[in-house]
Amino acid sequence: MRVALLCLALLCLPLQADVYTYIDAEGNRVFTDRPGTGNAQRLQLAPANSMPAPPPAAPPAVVPSEPPAPAYQLLRILIPQPDATIRDGAGNLIVTASSDPALLPGHSYRLLLDGQALGEPSRSPVFPLENVDRGSHQLAIEIIDEQGRTLERTPAQPFHMQRISLAQKRRVKPCQKDDYGVRPECPLKDKPPEKKDIPLVPFI
């Protein structure tokens, strides 16, 4: 038992230290790393049977994921043309858009006038506008999903609304007798009184 403990202690010695053995006064074999004790003899130890640790595994290469392709390749306003001038006395206008591909299921068009959503989203790309104020304005078209999230939007596109006044219309096309009460610029209140025919009195 004592020899086994000594062998275990021998194994725990540093790998680079020399090991010596001798018989003490009681006849026991002693192992030590001190060569000057008694008649100690150096032991020839076999090289340790060890293997180098494997290198750490390299982390898997991270392949950057490509962003998903946009659902629409093209979205534009067809009518009116950019920077167009609209002449309409009532301020009416038709806005038409186009997309490629055509509108997908669950998506809708939405019209923005001067940055504000106008009317309800629609599957139709045609938007009639009425009573647009005189002056310059900005138009844009959005494509939104069922949650109202914007998927695509056109750049803001300017147009100019010119509303001809009634006086200007009358100057361009004067009111005739039958126009009063028919044309907005020719109200009945402005209709001149009709001249009454004076009966002819025979001269005596």
N, C-alpha and C. Protein backbone atom coordinates (compact mmCIF):
# COMPACT_ATOMS: atom_id res chain seq x y z
N MET A 1 0.84 -1.20 0.00
CA MET A 1 0.00 0.00 0.00
C MET A 1 0.87 1.24 0.00
N ARG A 2 1.94 1.20 0.76
CA ARG A 2 2.82 2.36 0.85
C ARG A 2 3.54 2.59 -0.47
N VAL A 3 3.89 1.49 -1.12
CA VAL A 3 4.57 1.62 -2.42
C VAL A 3 3.63 2.24 -3.44
N ALA A 4 2.36 1.85 -3.41
CA ALA A 4 1.39 2.40 -4.35
C ALA A 4 1.22 3.90 -4.16
N LEU A 5 1.19 4.35 -2.89
CA LEU A 5 1.08 5.78 -2.63
C LEU A 5 2.30 6.51 -3.13
N LEU A 6 3.46 5.89 -2.99
CA LEU A 6 4.69 6.53 -3.48
C LEU A 6 4.66 6.63 -4.99
N CYS A 7 4.14 5.59 -5.66
CA CYS A 7 4.04 5.64 -7.14
C CYS A 7 3.09 6.74 -7.56
N LEU A 8 1.99 6.91 -6.82
CA LEU A 8 1.04 7.97 -7.15
C LEU A 8 1.68 9.33 -6.97
N ALA A 9 2.45 9.49 -5.91
CA ALA A 9 3.15 10.74 -5.69
C ALA A 9 4.16 10.99 -6.79
N LEU A 10 4.78 9.90 -7.27
CA LEU A 10 5.75 10.02 -8.36
C LEU A 10 5.09 10.58 -9.61
N LEU A 11 3.88 10.12 -9.88
CA LEU A 11 3.17 10.59 -11.08
C LEU A 11 2.78 12.06 -10.97
N CYS A 12 2.63 12.56 -9.75
CA CYS A 12 2.22 13.95 -9.56
C CYS A 12 3.39 14.91 -9.63
N LEU A 13 4.65 14.42 -9.72
CA LEU A 13 5.81 15.30 -9.80
C LEU A 13 5.82 16.04 -11.12
N PRO A 14 6.44 17.19 -11.18
CA PRO A 14 6.53 17.91 -12.45
C PRO A 14 7.18 17.05 -13.50
N LEU A 15 6.70 17.21 -14.74
CA LEU A 15 7.16 16.34 -15.83
C LEU A 15 8.63 16.55 -16.13
N GLN A 16 9.16 17.74 -15.91
CA GLN A 16 10.54 18.03 -16.27
C GLN A 16 11.54 17.68 -15.15
N ALA A 17 11.06 17.29 -13.92
CA ALA A 17 11.98 17.02 -12.80
C ALA A 17 12.53 15.59 -12.89
N ASP A 18 13.80 15.39 -12.47
CA ASP A 18 14.38 14.04 -12.40
C ASP A 18 13.88 13.35 -11.13
N VAL A 19 13.75 12.02 -11.20
CA VAL A 19 13.25 11.22 -10.07
C VAL A 19 14.37 10.26 -9.62
N TYR A 20 14.53 10.19 -8.29
CA TYR A 20 15.57 9.33 -7.71
C TYR A 20 14.90 8.38 -6.72
N THR A 21 15.57 7.21 -6.49
CA THR A 21 15.04 6.23 -5.54
C THR A 21 16.20 5.64 -4.71
N TYR A 22 15.81 5.25 -3.47
CA TYR A 22 16.80 4.61 -2.62
C TYR A 22 16.04 3.80 -1.57
N ILE A 23 16.79 2.94 -0.80
CA ILE A 23 16.24 2.13 0.27
C ILE A 23 16.63 2.79 1.59
N ASP A 24 15.56 3.10 2.41
CA ASP A 24 15.89 3.78 3.66
C ASP A 24 16.32 2.76 4.71
N ALA A 25 16.56 3.23 5.96
CA ALA A 25 17.10 2.38 7.01
C ALA A 25 16.14 1.28 7.39
N GLU A 26 14.85 1.45 7.11
CA GLU A 26 13.86 0.43 7.47
C GLU A 26 13.58 -0.52 6.32
N GLY A 27 14.33 -0.38 5.24
CA GLY A 27 14.17 -1.29 4.12
C GLY A 27 13.07 -0.90 3.16
N ASN A 28 12.57 0.31 3.29
CA ASN A 28 11.50 0.78 2.37
C ASN A 28 12.10 1.54 1.21
N ARG A 29 11.49 1.36 0.02
CA ARG A 29 11.95 2.09 -1.16
C ARG A 29 11.32 3.49 -1.13
N VAL A 30 12.15 4.46 -1.31
CA VAL A 30 11.74 5.86 -1.25
C VAL A 30 12.01 6.51 -2.61
N PHE A 31 11.07 7.31 -3.08
CA PHE A 31 11.22 8.07 -4.33
C PHE A 31 11.31 9.55 -3.98
N THR A 32 12.23 10.28 -4.65
CA THR A 32 12.44 11.68 -4.35
C THR A 32 12.97 12.38 -5.59
N ASP A 33 12.91 13.70 -5.54
CA ASP A 33 13.51 14.49 -6.63
C ASP A 33 14.81 15.15 -6.19
N ARG A 34 15.32 14.70 -5.02
CA ARG A 34 16.58 15.24 -4.50
C ARG A 34 17.67 14.19 -4.67
N PRO A 35 18.64 14.46 -5.50
CA PRO A 35 19.66 13.43 -5.79
C PRO A 35 20.65 13.20 -4.66
N GLY A 36 20.78 14.07 -3.71
CA GLY A 36 21.82 13.93 -2.70
C GLY A 36 21.40 13.15 -1.49
N THR A 37 20.26 12.45 -1.50
CA THR A 37 19.78 11.73 -0.32
C THR A 37 20.27 10.28 -0.35
N GLY A 38 21.05 9.86 0.65
CA GLY A 38 21.54 8.48 0.77
C GLY A 38 22.24 8.06 -0.51
N ASN A 39 22.02 6.85 -0.91
CA ASN A 39 22.59 6.32 -2.15
C ASN A 39 21.55 6.33 -3.27
N ALA A 40 20.86 7.45 -3.39
CA ALA A 40 19.77 7.55 -4.37
C ALA A 40 20.28 7.39 -5.77
N GLN A 41 19.51 6.69 -6.58
CA GLN A 41 19.84 6.46 -7.99
C GLN A 41 18.76 7.10 -8.87
N ARG A 42 19.22 7.67 -9.94
CA ARG A 42 18.30 8.34 -10.86
C ARG A 42 17.54 7.31 -11.69
N LEU A 43 16.22 7.49 -11.78
CA LEU A 43 15.40 6.58 -12.58
C LEU A 43 15.27 7.09 -14.01
N GLN A 44 15.25 6.17 -14.95
CA GLN A 44 15.01 6.53 -16.35
C GLN A 44 13.50 6.37 -16.63
N LEU A 45 12.82 7.48 -16.79
CA LEU A 45 11.37 7.44 -17.01
C LEU A 45 11.07 7.48 -18.50
N ALA A 46 10.08 6.70 -18.87
CA ALA A 46 9.63 6.72 -20.27
C ALA A 46 8.93 8.06 -20.57
N PRO A 47 9.04 8.56 -21.79
CA PRO A 47 8.37 9.83 -22.11
C PRO A 47 6.86 9.71 -21.95
N ALA A 48 6.26 10.81 -21.53
CA ALA A 48 4.81 10.80 -21.33
C ALA A 48 4.08 10.64 -22.65
N ASN A 49 3.04 9.83 -22.62
CA ASN A 49 2.24 9.58 -23.82
C ASN A 49 1.09 10.60 -23.85
N SER A 50 1.37 11.76 -24.42
CA SER A 50 0.37 12.82 -24.43
C SER A 50 0.15 13.31 -25.86
N MET A 51 -1.00 13.84 -26.10
CA MET A 51 -1.35 14.37 -27.42
C MET A 51 -1.69 15.85 -27.28
N PRO A 52 -1.26 16.64 -28.26
CA PRO A 52 -1.62 18.07 -28.17
C PRO A 52 -3.12 18.27 -28.31
N ALA A 53 -3.62 19.25 -27.62
CA ALA A 53 -5.05 19.55 -27.70
C ALA A 53 -5.40 20.03 -29.10
N PRO A 54 -6.53 19.61 -29.63
CA PRO A 54 -6.91 20.05 -30.98
C PRO A 54 -7.17 21.56 -30.98
N PRO A 55 -6.84 22.21 -32.08
CA PRO A 55 -7.10 23.66 -32.13
C PRO A 55 -8.59 23.93 -32.04
N PRO A 56 -8.97 25.07 -31.47
CA PRO A 56 -10.40 25.38 -31.36
C PRO A 56 -11.04 25.49 -32.74
N ALA A 57 -12.26 24.99 -32.82
CA ALA A 57 -12.96 25.02 -34.11
C ALA A 57 -13.28 26.47 -34.49
N ALA A 58 -13.04 26.78 -35.74
CA ALA A 58 -13.34 28.14 -36.22
C ALA A 58 -14.84 28.35 -36.26
N PRO A 59 -15.31 29.54 -35.87
CA PRO A 59 -16.77 29.79 -35.92
C PRO A 59 -17.24 29.76 -37.38
N PRO A 60 -18.46 29.30 -37.58
CA PRO A 60 -18.96 29.24 -38.96
C PRO A 60 -19.02 30.62 -39.59
N ALA A 61 -18.64 30.66 -40.83
CA ALA A 61 -18.65 31.94 -41.54
C ALA A 61 -20.08 32.47 -41.65
N VAL A 62 -20.22 33.75 -41.36
CA VAL A 62 -21.53 34.39 -41.43
C VAL A 62 -21.74 34.92 -42.84
N VAL A 63 -22.72 34.37 -43.52
CA VAL A 63 -23.03 34.80 -44.87
C VAL A 63 -24.06 35.92 -44.79
N PRO A 64 -23.70 37.12 -45.23
CA PRO A 64 -24.68 38.22 -45.14
C PRO A 64 -25.91 37.92 -45.98
N SER A 65 -27.05 38.12 -45.36
CA SER A 65 -28.30 37.86 -46.07
C SER A 65 -28.66 39.06 -46.93
N GLU A 66 -29.10 38.78 -48.12
CA GLU A 66 -29.48 39.85 -49.04
C GLU A 66 -30.83 40.41 -48.64
N PRO A 67 -30.99 41.75 -48.73
CA PRO A 67 -32.30 42.33 -48.40
C PRO A 67 -33.35 41.84 -49.38
N PRO A 68 -34.58 41.67 -48.89
CA PRO A 68 -35.63 41.19 -49.79
C PRO A 68 -35.87 42.17 -50.93
N ALA A 69 -36.14 41.62 -52.08
CA ALA A 69 -36.40 42.47 -53.24
C ALA A 69 -37.70 43.24 -53.03
N PRO A 70 -37.74 44.50 -53.48
CA PRO A 70 -38.99 45.27 -53.32
C PRO A 70 -40.12 44.63 -54.09
N ALA A 71 -41.34 44.77 -53.55
CA ALA A 71 -42.50 44.15 -54.19
C ALA A 71 -42.84 44.83 -55.50
N TYR A 72 -42.50 46.14 -55.62
CA TYR A 72 -42.86 46.90 -56.81
C TYR A 72 -41.59 47.51 -57.43
N GLN A 73 -41.46 47.32 -58.73
CA GLN A 73 -40.32 47.86 -59.44
C GLN A 73 -40.55 49.30 -59.89
N LEU A 74 -41.82 49.69 -60.00
CA LEU A 74 -42.13 51.02 -60.51
C LEU A 74 -43.44 51.52 -59.92
N LEU A 75 -43.46 52.78 -59.51
CA LEU A 75 -44.67 53.46 -59.06
C LEU A 75 -44.54 54.91 -59.48
N ARG A 76 -45.51 55.41 -60.27
CA ARG A 76 -45.40 56.77 -60.77
C ARG A 76 -46.78 57.37 -60.98
N ILE A 77 -46.81 58.70 -61.09
CA ILE A 77 -48.03 59.44 -61.40
C ILE A 77 -48.04 59.70 -62.89
N LEU A 78 -49.11 59.25 -63.56
CA LEU A 78 -49.22 59.47 -65.00
C LEU A 78 -49.83 60.83 -65.32
N ILE A 79 -50.90 61.18 -64.61
CA ILE A 79 -51.61 62.43 -64.82
C ILE A 79 -51.85 63.07 -63.44
N PRO A 80 -51.50 64.34 -63.30
CA PRO A 80 -50.92 65.27 -64.28
C PRO A 80 -49.42 65.07 -64.43
N GLN A 81 -48.85 65.63 -65.48
CA GLN A 81 -47.41 65.61 -65.67
C GLN A 81 -46.73 66.48 -64.61
N PRO A 82 -45.46 66.21 -64.31
CA PRO A 82 -44.75 67.04 -63.33
C PRO A 82 -44.75 68.51 -63.73
N ASP A 83 -45.04 69.38 -62.77
CA ASP A 83 -45.04 70.83 -62.95
C ASP A 83 -46.11 71.29 -63.94
N ALA A 84 -47.18 70.51 -64.08
CA ALA A 84 -48.24 70.88 -65.01
C ALA A 84 -49.08 72.01 -64.44
N THR A 85 -49.66 72.79 -65.34
CA THR A 85 -50.58 73.86 -64.97
C THR A 85 -52.00 73.45 -65.35
N ILE A 86 -52.89 73.41 -64.37
CA ILE A 86 -54.28 73.00 -64.57
C ILE A 86 -55.15 74.25 -64.54
N ARG A 87 -55.92 74.44 -65.58
CA ARG A 87 -56.85 75.58 -65.63
C ARG A 87 -58.27 75.05 -65.54
N ASP A 88 -58.88 75.29 -64.41
CA ASP A 88 -60.24 74.82 -64.19
C ASP A 88 -60.92 75.75 -63.20
N GLY A 89 -62.06 76.30 -63.61
CA GLY A 89 -62.73 77.26 -62.75
C GLY A 89 -63.20 76.67 -61.44
N ALA A 90 -63.58 75.38 -61.43
CA ALA A 90 -64.05 74.74 -60.21
C ALA A 90 -62.93 74.09 -59.42
N GLY A 91 -61.72 74.10 -59.94
CA GLY A 91 -60.59 73.48 -59.24
C GLY A 91 -60.63 71.97 -59.26
N ASN A 92 -61.18 71.40 -60.34
CA ASN A 92 -61.29 69.95 -60.45
C ASN A 92 -60.07 69.37 -61.17
N LEU A 93 -59.74 68.13 -60.81
CA LEU A 93 -58.54 67.50 -61.35
C LEU A 93 -58.66 65.99 -61.22
N ILE A 94 -58.15 65.26 -62.22
CA ILE A 94 -58.09 63.81 -62.17
C ILE A 94 -56.63 63.39 -62.03
N VAL A 95 -56.32 62.60 -60.99
CA VAL A 95 -54.97 62.08 -60.77
C VAL A 95 -54.97 60.59 -61.09
N THR A 96 -54.00 60.17 -61.91
CA THR A 96 -53.91 58.76 -62.32
C THR A 96 -52.50 58.25 -62.03
N ALA A 97 -52.41 57.05 -61.45
CA ALA A 97 -51.12 56.44 -61.11
C ALA A 97 -50.96 55.11 -61.83
N SER A 98 -49.75 54.59 -61.79
CA SER A 98 -49.44 53.29 -62.40
C SER A 98 -48.35 52.61 -61.60
N SER A 99 -48.42 51.28 -61.48
CA SER A 99 -47.38 50.52 -60.77
C SER A 99 -47.02 49.28 -61.58
N ASP A 100 -45.81 48.79 -61.36
CA ASP A 100 -45.33 47.57 -62.00
C ASP A 100 -44.64 46.72 -60.93
N PRO A 101 -45.16 45.54 -60.61
CA PRO A 101 -46.37 44.92 -61.17
C PRO A 101 -47.63 45.64 -60.72
N ALA A 102 -48.76 45.15 -61.23
CA ALA A 102 -50.04 45.71 -60.80
C ALA A 102 -50.23 45.47 -59.31
N LEU A 103 -51.20 46.17 -58.75
CA LEU A 103 -51.41 46.12 -57.30
C LEU A 103 -51.61 44.68 -56.83
N LEU A 104 -50.86 44.27 -55.79
CA LEU A 104 -50.94 42.92 -55.26
C LEU A 104 -52.12 42.78 -54.31
N PRO A 105 -52.57 41.54 -54.06
CA PRO A 105 -53.70 41.35 -53.14
C PRO A 105 -53.41 41.93 -51.75
N GLY A 106 -54.41 42.59 -51.19
CA GLY A 106 -54.26 43.18 -49.86
C GLY A 106 -53.64 44.55 -49.85
N HIS A 107 -53.19 45.05 -51.01
CA HIS A 107 -52.56 46.37 -51.08
C HIS A 107 -53.53 47.38 -51.68
N SER A 108 -53.27 48.66 -51.40
CA SER A 108 -54.14 49.75 -51.89
C SER A 108 -53.29 50.95 -52.25
N TYR A 109 -53.87 51.79 -53.12
CA TYR A 109 -53.27 53.09 -53.43
C TYR A 109 -53.81 54.13 -52.46
N ARG A 110 -52.98 55.14 -52.15
CA ARG A 110 -53.42 56.26 -51.32
C ARG A 110 -52.84 57.54 -51.91
N LEU A 111 -53.69 58.54 -52.03
CA LEU A 111 -53.27 59.83 -52.60
C LEU A 111 -52.89 60.80 -51.48
N LEU A 112 -51.80 61.53 -51.68
CA LEU A 112 -51.38 62.56 -50.75
C LEU A 112 -51.35 63.89 -51.49
N LEU A 113 -52.03 64.88 -50.94
CA LEU A 113 -52.03 66.23 -51.46
C LEU A 113 -51.36 67.13 -50.45
N ASP A 114 -50.25 67.73 -50.85
CA ASP A 114 -49.46 68.58 -49.95
C ASP A 114 -49.09 67.84 -48.67
N GLY A 115 -48.74 66.55 -48.81
CA GLY A 115 -48.27 65.75 -47.68
C GLY A 115 -49.35 65.15 -46.82
N GLN A 116 -50.63 65.42 -47.12
CA GLN A 116 -51.73 64.91 -46.31
C GLN A 116 -52.53 63.89 -47.12
N ALA A 117 -52.85 62.74 -46.46
CA ALA A 117 -53.66 61.72 -47.13
C ALA A 117 -55.03 62.30 -47.44
N LEU A 118 -55.48 62.05 -48.66
CA LEU A 118 -56.74 62.62 -49.12
C LEU A 118 -57.67 61.49 -49.50
N GLY A 119 -58.83 61.43 -48.87
CA GLY A 119 -59.79 60.37 -49.17
C GLY A 119 -59.35 59.04 -48.59
N GLU A 120 -60.08 57.99 -49.00
CA GLU A 120 -59.81 56.64 -48.50
C GLU A 120 -58.90 55.89 -49.47
N PRO A 121 -58.05 54.97 -48.95
CA PRO A 121 -57.25 54.14 -49.85
C PRO A 121 -58.15 53.37 -50.80
N SER A 122 -57.64 53.07 -51.97
CA SER A 122 -58.47 52.46 -53.01
C SER A 122 -57.63 51.50 -53.83
N ARG A 123 -58.31 50.50 -54.38
CA ARG A 123 -57.66 49.59 -55.33
C ARG A 123 -57.53 50.25 -56.70
N SER A 124 -58.29 51.31 -56.92
CA SER A 124 -58.24 52.00 -58.21
C SER A 124 -57.11 53.02 -58.21
N PRO A 125 -56.36 53.13 -59.31
CA PRO A 125 -55.29 54.13 -59.39
C PRO A 125 -55.76 55.48 -59.89
N VAL A 126 -57.08 55.72 -59.93
CA VAL A 126 -57.64 56.98 -60.43
C VAL A 126 -58.28 57.71 -59.25
N PHE A 127 -57.91 58.99 -59.07
CA PHE A 127 -58.41 59.79 -57.96
C PHE A 127 -58.96 61.10 -58.50
N PRO A 128 -60.29 61.33 -58.45
CA PRO A 128 -60.84 62.63 -58.84
C PRO A 128 -60.75 63.62 -57.68
N LEU A 129 -60.24 64.80 -57.95
CA LEU A 129 -60.15 65.85 -56.94
C LEU A 129 -61.09 66.99 -57.34
N GLU A 130 -61.70 67.61 -56.34
CA GLU A 130 -62.62 68.72 -56.58
C GLU A 130 -62.25 69.90 -55.70
N ASN A 131 -62.50 71.08 -56.24
CA ASN A 131 -62.35 72.33 -55.49
C ASN A 131 -60.95 72.48 -54.89
N VAL A 132 -59.93 72.16 -55.69
CA VAL A 132 -58.56 72.36 -55.25
C VAL A 132 -58.27 73.86 -55.27
N ASP A 133 -57.67 74.36 -54.22
CA ASP A 133 -57.39 75.79 -54.10
C ASP A 133 -56.44 76.25 -55.20
N ARG A 134 -56.60 77.52 -55.57
CA ARG A 134 -55.71 78.13 -56.54
C ARG A 134 -54.29 78.17 -55.99
N GLY A 135 -53.30 77.89 -56.84
CA GLY A 135 -51.90 77.95 -56.41
C GLY A 135 -51.15 76.66 -56.72
N SER A 136 -49.94 76.56 -56.17
CA SER A 136 -49.07 75.40 -56.40
C SER A 136 -49.29 74.36 -55.30
N HIS A 137 -49.25 73.10 -55.70
CA HIS A 137 -49.49 71.99 -54.77
C HIS A 137 -48.52 70.86 -55.07
N GLN A 138 -48.45 69.90 -54.13
CA GLN A 138 -47.60 68.71 -54.28
C GLN A 138 -48.47 67.47 -54.24
N LEU A 139 -48.23 66.56 -55.20
CA LEU A 139 -48.95 65.30 -55.25
C LEU A 139 -47.99 64.14 -54.99
N ALA A 140 -48.48 63.08 -54.35
CA ALA A 140 -47.73 61.84 -54.18
C ALA A 140 -48.71 60.69 -54.09
N ILE A 141 -48.27 59.52 -54.50
CA ILE A 141 -49.06 58.30 -54.43
C ILE A 141 -48.31 57.28 -53.59
N GLU A 142 -49.02 56.63 -52.67
CA GLU A 142 -48.45 55.56 -51.86
C GLU A 142 -49.13 54.23 -52.18
N ILE A 143 -48.40 53.15 -51.96
CA ILE A 143 -48.98 51.80 -51.90
C ILE A 143 -48.86 51.34 -50.45
N ILE A 144 -50.00 50.97 -49.85
CA ILE A 144 -50.01 50.55 -48.45
C ILE A 144 -50.55 49.13 -48.34
N ASP A 145 -50.21 48.47 -47.22
CA ASP A 145 -50.72 47.12 -46.99
C ASP A 145 -51.97 47.18 -46.14
N GLU A 146 -52.45 46.01 -45.70
CA GLU A 146 -53.70 45.94 -44.94
C GLU A 146 -53.59 46.62 -43.59
N GLN A 147 -52.37 46.75 -43.04
CA GLN A 147 -52.18 47.42 -41.76
C GLN A 147 -51.93 48.91 -41.92
N GLY A 148 -52.01 49.41 -43.15
CA GLY A 148 -51.79 50.84 -43.38
C GLY A 148 -50.33 51.22 -43.45
N ARG A 149 -49.42 50.25 -43.53
CA ARG A 149 -47.99 50.55 -43.62
C ARG A 149 -47.62 50.89 -45.05
N THR A 150 -46.78 51.91 -45.21
CA THR A 150 -46.38 52.36 -46.54
C THR A 150 -45.33 51.41 -47.10
N LEU A 151 -45.61 50.86 -48.28
CA LEU A 151 -44.67 49.97 -48.95
C LEU A 151 -43.86 50.71 -50.01
N GLU A 152 -44.51 51.56 -50.76
CA GLU A 152 -43.84 52.35 -51.79
C GLU A 152 -44.47 53.74 -51.81
N ARG A 153 -43.69 54.74 -52.25
CA ARG A 153 -44.21 56.11 -52.37
C ARG A 153 -43.47 56.81 -53.49
N THR A 154 -44.21 57.57 -54.27
CA THR A 154 -43.58 58.36 -55.32
C THR A 154 -42.97 59.62 -54.71
N PRO A 155 -41.98 60.21 -55.38
CA PRO A 155 -41.53 61.54 -54.93
C PRO A 155 -42.65 62.55 -55.09
N ALA A 156 -42.60 63.60 -54.27
CA ALA A 156 -43.60 64.66 -54.38
C ALA A 156 -43.49 65.32 -55.75
N GLN A 157 -44.63 65.50 -56.40
CA GLN A 157 -44.67 66.03 -57.76
C GLN A 157 -45.50 67.30 -57.78
N PRO A 158 -44.94 68.42 -58.23
CA PRO A 158 -45.69 69.68 -58.18
C PRO A 158 -46.66 69.83 -59.35
N PHE A 159 -47.74 70.57 -59.09
CA PHE A 159 -48.63 71.04 -60.15
C PHE A 159 -49.20 72.38 -59.71
N HIS A 160 -49.78 73.10 -60.65
CA HIS A 160 -50.25 74.46 -60.38
C HIS A 160 -51.70 74.57 -60.85
N MET A 161 -52.55 74.99 -59.93
CA MET A 161 -53.98 75.12 -60.23
C MET A 161 -54.31 76.59 -60.50
N GLN A 162 -54.86 76.83 -61.69
CA GLN A 162 -55.33 78.17 -62.03
C GLN A 162 -56.84 78.12 -62.19
N ARG A 163 -57.53 78.86 -61.35
CA ARG A 163 -59.00 78.90 -61.39
C ARG A 163 -59.43 80.24 -61.98
N ILE A 164 -60.06 80.17 -63.14
CA ILE A 164 -60.49 81.40 -63.81
C ILE A 164 -61.70 81.96 -63.08
N SER A 165 -61.65 83.26 -62.80
CA SER A 165 -62.78 83.89 -62.10
C SER A 165 -63.95 84.07 -63.07
N LEU A 166 -65.15 84.29 -62.49
CA LEU A 166 -66.34 84.47 -63.32
C LEU A 166 -66.21 85.70 -64.21
N ALA A 167 -65.58 86.73 -63.66
CA ALA A 167 -65.41 87.94 -64.46
C ALA A 167 -64.51 87.67 -65.66
N GLN A 168 -63.44 86.86 -65.44
CA GLN A 168 -62.56 86.52 -66.56
C GLN A 168 -63.30 85.70 -67.61
N LYS A 169 -64.15 84.78 -67.13
CA LYS A 169 -64.91 83.98 -68.08
C LYS A 169 -65.85 84.86 -68.91
N ARG A 170 -66.46 85.83 -68.27
CA ARG A 170 -67.37 86.71 -69.01
C ARG A 170 -66.62 87.53 -70.05
N ARG A 171 -65.36 87.90 -69.67
CA ARG A 171 -64.59 88.68 -70.65
C ARG A 171 -64.18 87.82 -71.83
N VAL A 172 -63.82 86.56 -71.54
CA VAL A 172 -63.41 85.67 -72.63
C VAL A 172 -64.60 85.34 -73.52
N LYS A 173 -65.75 85.06 -72.89
CA LYS A 173 -66.96 84.72 -73.66
C LYS A 173 -68.12 85.49 -73.06
N PRO A 174 -68.46 86.62 -73.64
CA PRO A 174 -69.53 87.45 -73.08
C PRO A 174 -70.85 86.68 -73.01
N CYS A 175 -71.64 87.04 -72.01
CA CYS A 175 -72.93 86.38 -71.81
C CYS A 175 -73.92 86.82 -72.90
N GLN A 176 -74.59 85.87 -73.46
CA GLN A 176 -75.65 86.13 -74.42
C GLN A 176 -77.00 86.02 -73.72
N LYS A 177 -78.04 86.37 -74.43
CA LYS A 177 -79.37 86.41 -73.85
C LYS A 177 -79.77 85.06 -73.26
N ASP A 178 -79.46 83.99 -73.95
CA ASP A 178 -79.87 82.66 -73.49
C ASP A 178 -78.90 82.04 -72.48
N ASP A 179 -77.78 82.73 -72.17
CA ASP A 179 -76.79 82.18 -71.23
C ASP A 179 -77.14 82.47 -69.78
N TYR A 180 -77.99 83.50 -69.56
CA TYR A 180 -78.30 83.87 -68.18
C TYR A 180 -79.13 82.78 -67.50
N GLY A 181 -78.67 82.40 -66.33
CA GLY A 181 -79.31 81.32 -65.60
C GLY A 181 -78.82 79.95 -66.00
N VAL A 182 -77.95 79.89 -67.02
CA VAL A 182 -77.41 78.61 -67.51
C VAL A 182 -75.92 78.51 -67.19
N ARG A 183 -75.15 79.50 -67.56
CA ARG A 183 -73.72 79.51 -67.26
C ARG A 183 -73.49 80.12 -65.88
N PRO A 184 -72.61 79.56 -65.08
CA PRO A 184 -72.40 80.11 -63.72
C PRO A 184 -71.97 81.56 -63.74
N GLU A 185 -71.22 81.94 -64.76
CA GLU A 185 -70.76 83.33 -64.81
C GLU A 185 -71.84 84.28 -65.35
N CYS A 186 -73.01 83.74 -65.65
CA CYS A 186 -74.10 84.56 -66.17
C CYS A 186 -75.35 84.36 -65.32
N PRO A 187 -75.36 84.87 -64.08
CA PRO A 187 -76.53 84.68 -63.22
C PRO A 187 -77.71 85.53 -63.72
N LEU A 188 -78.89 85.08 -63.31
CA LEU A 188 -80.11 85.78 -63.77
C LEU A 188 -80.15 87.22 -63.27
N LYS A 189 -79.57 87.45 -62.10
CA LYS A 189 -79.64 88.81 -61.55
C LYS A 189 -78.89 89.81 -62.41
N ASP A 190 -77.94 89.32 -63.23
CA ASP A 190 -77.19 90.22 -64.09
C ASP A 190 -77.81 90.36 -65.48
N LYS A 191 -78.92 89.68 -65.69
CA LYS A 191 -79.53 89.73 -67.02
C LYS A 191 -80.13 91.12 -67.24
N PRO A 192 -79.77 91.78 -68.29
CA PRO A 192 -80.32 93.13 -68.54
C PRO A 192 -81.81 93.06 -68.86
N PRO A 193 -82.55 94.10 -68.48
CA PRO A 193 -83.99 94.08 -68.76
C PRO A 193 -84.25 94.11 -70.26
N GLU A 194 -85.29 93.41 -70.63
CA GLU A 194 -85.63 93.38 -72.04
C GLU A 194 -86.32 94.68 -72.43
N LYS A 195 -86.01 95.15 -73.61
CA LYS A 195 -86.61 96.36 -74.12
C LYS A 195 -88.03 96.05 -74.63
N LYS A 196 -88.96 96.88 -74.20
CA LYS A 196 -90.35 96.71 -74.65
C LYS A 196 -90.56 97.46 -75.95
N ASP A 197 -91.28 96.82 -76.83
CA ASP A 197 -91.57 97.45 -78.12
C ASP A 197 -92.58 98.58 -77.92
N ILE A 198 -92.33 99.77 -78.48
CA ILE A 198 -93.24 100.90 -78.40
C ILE A 198 -94.20 100.81 -79.57
N PRO A 199 -95.51 100.82 -79.22
CA PRO A 199 -96.47 100.69 -80.33
C PRO A 199 -96.44 101.92 -81.24
N LEU A 200 -96.63 101.66 -82.49
CA LEU A 200 -96.61 102.73 -83.47
C LEU A 200 -97.92 103.52 -83.42
N VAL A 201 -97.82 104.84 -83.31
CA VAL A 201 -99.02 105.71 -83.28
C VAL A 201 -99.12 106.39 -84.68
N PRO A 202 -100.22 106.17 -85.31
CA PRO A 202 -100.32 106.76 -86.66
C PRO A 202 -100.26 108.28 -86.57
N PHE A 203 -99.57 108.90 -87.46
CA PHE A 203 -99.44 110.34 -87.51
C PHE A 203 -100.63 110.94 -88.22
N ILE A 204 -101.35 111.85 -87.58
CA ILE A 204 -102.56 112.48 -88.18
C ILE A 204 -102.17 113.87 -88.65
